[in-house]
């Protein structure tokens, strides 16, 4: 049976939870207060299973901060949360999604992302704080066109 996830828009009250999850997973959290409007909390029933975000820049999306709480990992919640974020991106008419990762590039390759040179991302994405400051130059840049998203 596939994992079921519901998304709820993050609020300022969610900042401590989001920061804690990101920090414990070694992910950037410094800009969370200014990015709260693009972040979501994932729920399985009434339990928080994780978080994820989709920054929208014109027809480009930046998938970020996708984290599943450790006790829910390995049970399909990562894919389920990812799919909900893709649905959101489609509603916003995003055509291409980008991401940076230092640890999960193989996961994202399995679901349709391709590795690209950071310079191949559009300037609107390259100018994000995540690209400019938060993620190291060694982070793998990946892209997926929405027609391949599933």
N, C-alpha and C. Protein backbone atom coordinates (compact mmCIF):
# COMPACT_ATOMS: atom_id res chain seq x y z
N UNK A 1 0.84 -1.18 0.00
CA UNK A 1 0.00 0.00 0.00
C UNK A 1 0.88 1.25 0.00
N UNK A 2 0.56 2.19 -0.87
CA UNK A 2 1.35 3.42 -0.98
C UNK A 2 1.12 4.31 0.23
N UNK A 3 2.16 5.00 0.63
CA UNK A 3 2.06 5.94 1.75
C UNK A 3 1.16 7.10 1.35
N UNK A 4 0.31 7.52 2.25
CA UNK A 4 -0.59 8.65 2.04
C UNK A 4 -0.05 9.86 2.79
N UNK A 5 0.03 10.98 2.09
CA UNK A 5 0.54 12.21 2.70
C UNK A 5 -0.40 13.35 2.34
N UNK A 6 -0.68 14.18 3.34
CA UNK A 6 -1.41 15.42 3.10
C UNK A 6 -0.46 16.57 3.38
N UNK A 7 -0.55 17.60 2.54
CA UNK A 7 0.29 18.79 2.72
C UNK A 7 -0.51 19.89 3.41
N UNK A 8 0.18 20.59 4.28
CA UNK A 8 -0.39 21.77 4.91
C UNK A 8 0.65 22.88 4.80
N UNK A 9 0.22 24.04 4.36
CA UNK A 9 1.13 25.18 4.21
C UNK A 9 1.80 25.48 5.54
N UNK A 10 3.10 25.67 5.51
CA UNK A 10 3.84 26.03 6.71
C UNK A 10 3.49 27.47 7.11
N UNK A 11 3.58 27.73 8.41
CA UNK A 11 3.33 29.06 8.94
C UNK A 11 4.52 29.46 9.81
N UNK A 12 4.50 30.67 10.28
CA UNK A 12 5.57 31.12 11.17
C UNK A 12 5.69 30.22 12.40
N UNK A 13 4.57 29.67 12.86
CA UNK A 13 4.61 28.76 14.01
C UNK A 13 5.34 27.45 13.67
N UNK A 14 5.49 27.15 12.38
CA UNK A 14 6.18 25.93 11.93
C UNK A 14 7.69 26.07 11.90
N UNK A 15 8.19 27.29 12.02
CA UNK A 15 9.63 27.54 11.85
C UNK A 15 10.49 26.68 12.79
N UNK A 16 10.18 26.58 14.09
CA UNK A 16 11.02 25.73 14.95
C UNK A 16 11.06 24.26 14.50
N UNK A 17 9.92 23.71 14.11
CA UNK A 17 9.87 22.33 13.62
C UNK A 17 10.71 22.17 12.36
N UNK A 18 10.52 23.06 11.40
CA UNK A 18 11.24 22.99 10.13
C UNK A 18 12.74 23.13 10.36
N UNK A 19 13.11 24.11 11.15
CA UNK A 19 14.53 24.34 11.45
C UNK A 19 15.16 23.11 12.11
N UNK A 20 14.45 22.52 13.04
CA UNK A 20 14.95 21.33 13.74
C UNK A 20 15.15 20.16 12.77
N UNK A 21 14.17 19.91 11.90
CA UNK A 21 14.30 18.82 10.93
C UNK A 21 15.45 19.05 9.96
N UNK A 22 15.57 20.27 9.47
CA UNK A 22 16.65 20.57 8.53
C UNK A 22 18.01 20.46 9.21
N UNK A 23 18.12 21.03 10.38
CA UNK A 23 19.39 21.00 11.12
C UNK A 23 19.80 19.55 11.40
N UNK A 24 18.86 18.71 11.84
CA UNK A 24 19.20 17.32 12.17
C UNK A 24 19.57 16.50 10.93
N UNK A 25 19.17 16.99 9.76
CA UNK A 25 19.51 16.29 8.51
C UNK A 25 20.69 16.94 7.79
N UNK A 26 21.28 17.96 8.40
CA UNK A 26 22.44 18.63 7.80
C UNK A 26 22.10 19.48 6.59
N UNK A 27 20.86 19.98 6.53
CA UNK A 27 20.43 20.81 5.41
C UNK A 27 20.37 22.28 5.81
N UNK A 28 20.49 23.19 4.83
CA UNK A 28 20.45 24.61 5.14
C UNK A 28 19.11 25.01 5.75
N UNK A 29 19.16 25.84 6.76
CA UNK A 29 17.95 26.29 7.43
C UNK A 29 17.95 27.81 7.67
N UNK A 30 19.03 28.47 7.35
CA UNK A 30 19.20 29.87 7.70
C UNK A 30 18.16 30.80 7.07
N UNK A 31 17.65 30.46 5.90
CA UNK A 31 16.70 31.35 5.23
C UNK A 31 15.24 30.96 5.45
N UNK A 32 14.98 29.99 6.30
CA UNK A 32 13.62 29.49 6.48
C UNK A 32 12.61 30.60 6.83
N UNK A 33 12.90 31.50 7.75
CA UNK A 33 11.90 32.54 8.03
C UNK A 33 11.47 33.34 6.79
N UNK A 34 12.39 33.59 5.88
CA UNK A 34 12.03 34.35 4.68
C UNK A 34 11.42 33.48 3.58
N UNK A 35 11.48 32.17 3.72
CA UNK A 35 10.95 31.25 2.70
C UNK A 35 9.74 30.46 3.19
N UNK A 36 9.19 30.81 4.34
CA UNK A 36 8.11 30.03 4.93
C UNK A 36 6.92 29.87 3.99
N UNK A 37 6.67 30.85 3.14
CA UNK A 37 5.51 30.79 2.25
C UNK A 37 5.61 29.71 1.18
N UNK A 38 6.81 29.17 0.94
CA UNK A 38 6.95 28.13 -0.08
C UNK A 38 7.15 26.74 0.53
N UNK A 39 7.02 26.65 1.85
CA UNK A 39 7.25 25.38 2.55
C UNK A 39 5.95 24.74 3.00
N UNK A 40 5.99 23.41 3.09
CA UNK A 40 4.83 22.62 3.47
C UNK A 40 5.23 21.60 4.54
N UNK A 41 4.25 21.27 5.38
CA UNK A 41 4.42 20.19 6.35
C UNK A 41 3.64 19.00 5.80
N UNK A 42 4.27 17.83 5.80
CA UNK A 42 3.62 16.62 5.35
C UNK A 42 3.08 15.83 6.54
N UNK A 43 1.83 15.38 6.41
CA UNK A 43 1.18 14.63 7.48
C UNK A 43 0.72 13.27 6.99
N UNK A 44 0.85 12.28 7.86
CA UNK A 44 0.20 10.98 7.69
C UNK A 44 -0.78 10.91 8.84
N UNK A 45 -2.05 11.07 8.54
CA UNK A 45 -3.03 11.22 9.61
C UNK A 45 -2.74 12.52 10.35
N UNK A 46 -2.56 12.44 11.65
CA UNK A 46 -2.26 13.64 12.43
C UNK A 46 -0.78 13.77 12.74
N UNK A 47 0.04 12.83 12.26
CA UNK A 47 1.47 12.85 12.56
C UNK A 47 2.27 13.57 11.48
N UNK A 48 3.19 14.41 11.91
CA UNK A 48 4.10 15.09 10.99
C UNK A 48 5.12 14.06 10.51
N UNK A 49 5.17 13.84 9.19
CA UNK A 49 6.13 12.88 8.64
C UNK A 49 7.34 13.57 8.03
N UNK A 50 7.18 14.85 7.67
CA UNK A 50 8.30 15.55 7.07
C UNK A 50 7.91 16.91 6.55
N UNK A 51 8.83 17.48 5.81
CA UNK A 51 8.64 18.81 5.24
C UNK A 51 9.19 18.84 3.81
N UNK A 52 8.77 19.84 3.08
CA UNK A 52 9.31 20.05 1.74
C UNK A 52 8.90 21.41 1.24
N UNK A 53 9.62 21.89 0.25
CA UNK A 53 9.32 23.20 -0.29
C UNK A 53 9.45 23.26 -1.80
N UNK A 54 8.74 24.22 -2.38
CA UNK A 54 8.82 24.46 -3.81
C UNK A 54 8.82 25.97 -4.02
N UNK A 55 10.00 26.51 -4.28
CA UNK A 55 10.10 27.93 -4.62
C UNK A 55 9.75 28.07 -6.09
N UNK A 56 8.92 29.04 -6.41
CA UNK A 56 8.48 29.25 -7.79
C UNK A 56 9.11 30.53 -8.34
N UNK A 57 9.78 30.40 -9.47
CA UNK A 57 10.41 31.53 -10.16
C UNK A 57 10.02 31.45 -11.62
N UNK A 58 9.01 32.25 -12.00
CA UNK A 58 8.50 32.23 -13.36
C UNK A 58 8.04 30.81 -13.68
N UNK A 59 8.61 30.16 -14.67
CA UNK A 59 8.22 28.79 -15.04
C UNK A 59 9.17 27.75 -14.45
N UNK A 60 10.04 28.18 -13.55
CA UNK A 60 11.00 27.28 -12.91
C UNK A 60 10.63 27.09 -11.45
N UNK A 61 10.86 25.89 -10.97
CA UNK A 61 10.65 25.60 -9.56
C UNK A 61 11.95 25.13 -8.94
N UNK A 62 12.10 25.40 -7.66
CA UNK A 62 13.28 24.96 -6.91
C UNK A 62 12.77 24.07 -5.79
N UNK A 63 12.97 22.76 -5.95
CA UNK A 63 12.60 21.81 -4.91
C UNK A 63 13.64 21.93 -3.81
N UNK A 64 13.17 22.09 -2.58
CA UNK A 64 14.13 22.25 -1.50
C UNK A 64 13.58 21.74 -0.19
N UNK A 65 14.51 21.44 0.69
CA UNK A 65 14.20 21.11 2.07
C UNK A 65 13.29 19.90 2.21
N UNK A 66 13.44 18.91 1.34
CA UNK A 66 12.63 17.70 1.43
C UNK A 66 13.27 16.78 2.46
N UNK A 67 12.59 16.63 3.60
CA UNK A 67 13.11 15.83 4.71
C UNK A 67 11.97 15.01 5.30
N UNK A 68 12.24 13.75 5.52
CA UNK A 68 11.29 12.87 6.21
C UNK A 68 11.86 12.58 7.60
N UNK A 69 11.01 12.67 8.60
CA UNK A 69 11.46 12.36 9.96
C UNK A 69 12.00 10.93 9.98
N UNK A 70 13.05 10.74 10.73
CA UNK A 70 13.75 9.46 10.74
C UNK A 70 12.83 8.27 10.99
N UNK A 71 11.89 8.40 11.89
CA UNK A 71 11.00 7.27 12.23
C UNK A 71 10.05 6.90 11.09
N UNK A 72 9.94 7.75 10.06
CA UNK A 72 9.06 7.47 8.92
C UNK A 72 9.83 7.10 7.65
N UNK A 73 11.14 7.11 7.71
CA UNK A 73 11.95 6.84 6.52
C UNK A 73 11.85 5.37 6.10
N UNK A 74 12.01 5.15 4.80
CA UNK A 74 12.00 3.80 4.26
C UNK A 74 10.61 3.21 4.10
N UNK A 75 9.59 4.04 4.19
CA UNK A 75 8.21 3.55 4.11
C UNK A 75 7.42 4.21 2.99
N UNK A 76 8.13 4.91 2.08
CA UNK A 76 7.47 5.51 0.93
C UNK A 76 6.99 6.94 1.13
N UNK A 77 7.23 7.50 2.30
CA UNK A 77 6.76 8.87 2.55
C UNK A 77 7.54 9.91 1.77
N UNK A 78 8.81 9.67 1.50
CA UNK A 78 9.60 10.62 0.72
C UNK A 78 9.02 10.80 -0.68
N UNK A 79 8.72 9.69 -1.33
CA UNK A 79 8.12 9.74 -2.67
C UNK A 79 6.74 10.39 -2.61
N UNK A 80 5.95 10.01 -1.61
CA UNK A 80 4.60 10.56 -1.49
C UNK A 80 4.63 12.07 -1.28
N UNK A 81 5.54 12.55 -0.44
CA UNK A 81 5.66 13.99 -0.21
C UNK A 81 6.15 14.69 -1.47
N UNK A 82 7.14 14.09 -2.13
CA UNK A 82 7.65 14.62 -3.39
C UNK A 82 6.51 14.77 -4.41
N UNK A 83 5.67 13.76 -4.55
CA UNK A 83 4.57 13.80 -5.53
C UNK A 83 3.59 14.92 -5.22
N UNK A 84 3.34 15.16 -3.95
CA UNK A 84 2.45 16.27 -3.57
C UNK A 84 3.07 17.61 -3.95
N UNK A 85 4.37 17.74 -3.78
CA UNK A 85 5.06 18.98 -4.17
C UNK A 85 5.03 19.16 -5.68
N UNK A 86 5.12 18.07 -6.42
CA UNK A 86 5.02 18.13 -7.89
C UNK A 86 3.63 18.58 -8.31
N UNK A 87 2.59 18.04 -7.65
CA UNK A 87 1.22 18.48 -7.94
C UNK A 87 1.09 19.99 -7.74
N UNK A 88 1.64 20.49 -6.66
CA UNK A 88 1.62 21.92 -6.37
C UNK A 88 2.32 22.69 -7.50
N UNK A 89 3.49 22.22 -7.91
CA UNK A 89 4.24 22.89 -8.98
C UNK A 89 3.44 22.91 -10.28
N UNK A 90 2.76 21.83 -10.58
CA UNK A 90 1.94 21.79 -11.80
C UNK A 90 0.82 22.81 -11.73
N UNK A 91 0.19 22.95 -10.56
CA UNK A 91 -0.87 23.95 -10.39
C UNK A 91 -0.33 25.36 -10.63
N UNK A 92 0.94 25.57 -10.31
CA UNK A 92 1.57 26.88 -10.49
C UNK A 92 2.21 27.02 -11.88
N UNK A 93 1.95 26.04 -12.76
CA UNK A 93 2.41 26.03 -14.15
C UNK A 93 3.93 26.03 -14.29
N UNK A 94 4.60 25.38 -13.34
CA UNK A 94 6.05 25.20 -13.42
C UNK A 94 6.36 24.22 -14.54
N UNK A 95 7.36 24.53 -15.34
CA UNK A 95 7.76 23.67 -16.46
C UNK A 95 9.01 22.85 -16.14
N UNK A 96 9.91 23.40 -15.33
CA UNK A 96 11.17 22.72 -15.03
C UNK A 96 11.47 22.90 -13.54
N UNK A 97 11.90 21.81 -12.91
CA UNK A 97 12.23 21.85 -11.49
C UNK A 97 13.73 21.61 -11.33
N UNK A 98 14.33 22.39 -10.45
CA UNK A 98 15.76 22.29 -10.15
C UNK A 98 15.92 21.96 -8.67
N UNK A 99 17.07 21.41 -8.35
CA UNK A 99 17.41 21.18 -6.95
C UNK A 99 18.91 21.08 -6.81
N UNK A 100 19.36 21.27 -5.59
CA UNK A 100 20.76 21.05 -5.22
C UNK A 100 20.78 20.02 -4.11
N UNK A 101 21.73 19.09 -4.18
CA UNK A 101 21.83 18.08 -3.13
C UNK A 101 23.28 17.69 -2.92
N UNK A 102 23.59 17.38 -1.69
CA UNK A 102 24.92 16.87 -1.38
C UNK A 102 24.87 15.40 -1.01
N UNK A 103 23.67 14.84 -0.84
CA UNK A 103 23.58 13.46 -0.35
C UNK A 103 22.57 12.57 -1.07
N UNK A 104 21.58 13.13 -1.75
CA UNK A 104 20.49 12.31 -2.26
C UNK A 104 20.36 12.31 -3.78
N UNK A 105 21.47 12.54 -4.48
CA UNK A 105 21.40 12.60 -5.94
C UNK A 105 20.91 11.28 -6.54
N UNK A 106 21.29 10.15 -5.97
CA UNK A 106 20.84 8.86 -6.52
C UNK A 106 19.34 8.69 -6.38
N UNK A 107 18.79 9.11 -5.26
CA UNK A 107 17.33 9.08 -5.06
C UNK A 107 16.64 9.88 -6.15
N UNK A 108 17.14 11.10 -6.39
CA UNK A 108 16.48 11.96 -7.37
C UNK A 108 16.69 11.48 -8.80
N UNK A 109 17.81 10.85 -9.09
CA UNK A 109 18.00 10.25 -10.42
C UNK A 109 16.97 9.16 -10.66
N UNK A 110 16.67 8.37 -9.66
CA UNK A 110 15.70 7.28 -9.80
C UNK A 110 14.30 7.80 -10.12
N UNK A 111 14.00 9.02 -9.70
CA UNK A 111 12.65 9.54 -9.95
C UNK A 111 12.61 10.53 -11.11
N UNK A 112 13.67 10.59 -11.90
CA UNK A 112 13.62 11.33 -13.15
C UNK A 112 14.44 12.59 -13.27
N UNK A 113 15.18 12.97 -12.24
CA UNK A 113 16.03 14.14 -12.35
C UNK A 113 17.33 13.77 -13.06
N UNK A 114 17.92 14.74 -13.75
CA UNK A 114 19.21 14.55 -14.39
C UNK A 114 20.20 15.55 -13.81
N UNK A 115 21.45 15.13 -13.73
CA UNK A 115 22.51 16.02 -13.26
C UNK A 115 22.82 17.03 -14.35
N UNK A 116 23.02 18.26 -13.92
CA UNK A 116 23.42 19.32 -14.86
C UNK A 116 24.49 20.17 -14.19
N UNK A 117 25.20 20.92 -14.99
CA UNK A 117 26.15 21.89 -14.47
C UNK A 117 25.35 23.02 -13.82
N UNK A 118 25.80 23.52 -12.70
CA UNK A 118 25.09 24.61 -12.01
C UNK A 118 24.86 25.80 -12.93
N UNK A 119 25.80 26.04 -13.83
CA UNK A 119 25.69 27.18 -14.74
C UNK A 119 24.58 26.99 -15.77
N UNK A 120 24.05 25.76 -15.91
CA UNK A 120 22.98 25.50 -16.86
C UNK A 120 21.61 25.87 -16.30
N UNK A 121 21.52 26.10 -15.00
CA UNK A 121 20.26 26.53 -14.40
C UNK A 121 19.99 27.98 -14.82
N UNK A 122 18.73 28.34 -14.98
CA UNK A 122 18.44 29.73 -15.37
C UNK A 122 18.90 30.71 -14.29
N UNK A 123 19.18 31.92 -14.71
CA UNK A 123 19.72 32.91 -13.77
C UNK A 123 18.78 33.17 -12.61
N UNK A 124 17.47 33.09 -12.83
CA UNK A 124 16.52 33.31 -11.74
C UNK A 124 16.70 32.27 -10.63
N UNK A 125 17.10 31.07 -11.00
CA UNK A 125 17.37 30.01 -10.01
C UNK A 125 18.77 30.19 -9.43
N UNK A 126 19.73 30.51 -10.28
CA UNK A 126 21.10 30.71 -9.80
C UNK A 126 21.19 31.87 -8.81
N UNK A 127 20.28 32.81 -8.89
CA UNK A 127 20.31 33.96 -7.99
C UNK A 127 19.60 33.72 -6.66
N UNK A 128 19.10 32.52 -6.44
CA UNK A 128 18.46 32.22 -5.15
C UNK A 128 19.54 32.13 -4.07
N UNK A 129 19.12 32.37 -2.85
CA UNK A 129 20.06 32.30 -1.73
C UNK A 129 20.62 30.89 -1.59
N UNK A 130 19.81 29.90 -1.89
CA UNK A 130 20.28 28.52 -1.80
C UNK A 130 21.45 28.29 -2.76
N UNK A 131 21.35 28.78 -3.97
CA UNK A 131 22.43 28.64 -4.95
C UNK A 131 23.64 29.49 -4.58
N UNK A 132 23.39 30.74 -4.21
CA UNK A 132 24.49 31.68 -3.98
C UNK A 132 25.24 31.46 -2.68
N UNK A 133 24.51 31.10 -1.60
CA UNK A 133 25.15 31.07 -0.29
C UNK A 133 25.01 29.77 0.48
N UNK A 134 23.83 29.18 0.47
CA UNK A 134 23.54 28.12 1.43
C UNK A 134 24.09 26.74 1.06
N UNK A 135 24.04 26.39 -0.20
CA UNK A 135 24.54 25.09 -0.61
C UNK A 135 25.98 25.22 -1.12
N UNK A 136 26.83 24.28 -0.74
CA UNK A 136 28.23 24.37 -1.17
C UNK A 136 28.38 24.19 -2.67
N UNK A 137 29.48 24.68 -3.19
CA UNK A 137 29.76 24.54 -4.62
C UNK A 137 29.83 23.07 -5.04
N UNK A 138 30.10 22.19 -4.09
CA UNK A 138 30.19 20.76 -4.39
C UNK A 138 28.81 20.09 -4.52
N UNK A 139 27.73 20.80 -4.19
CA UNK A 139 26.38 20.23 -4.29
C UNK A 139 26.07 19.90 -5.75
N UNK A 140 25.41 18.78 -5.95
CA UNK A 140 25.00 18.35 -7.29
C UNK A 140 23.75 19.13 -7.68
N UNK A 141 23.78 19.71 -8.87
CA UNK A 141 22.62 20.42 -9.40
C UNK A 141 21.87 19.44 -10.31
N UNK A 142 20.55 19.43 -10.16
CA UNK A 142 19.72 18.51 -10.94
C UNK A 142 18.51 19.24 -11.50
N UNK A 143 17.98 18.66 -12.59
CA UNK A 143 16.85 19.28 -13.28
C UNK A 143 15.90 18.20 -13.76
N UNK A 144 14.62 18.55 -13.80
CA UNK A 144 13.61 17.67 -14.38
C UNK A 144 12.54 18.52 -15.05
N UNK A 145 12.20 18.17 -16.28
CA UNK A 145 11.10 18.84 -16.94
C UNK A 145 9.80 18.18 -16.48
N UNK A 146 8.76 18.96 -16.36
CA UNK A 146 7.52 18.47 -15.78
C UNK A 146 6.88 17.35 -16.58
N UNK A 147 7.10 17.27 -17.85
CA UNK A 147 6.48 16.18 -18.61
C UNK A 147 7.01 14.82 -18.16
N UNK A 148 8.21 14.82 -17.52
CA UNK A 148 8.77 13.57 -17.02
C UNK A 148 8.48 13.35 -15.55
N UNK A 149 7.91 14.38 -14.91
CA UNK A 149 7.62 14.26 -13.47
C UNK A 149 6.49 13.27 -13.26
N UNK A 150 6.64 12.47 -12.23
CA UNK A 150 5.58 11.51 -11.92
C UNK A 150 5.39 11.40 -10.43
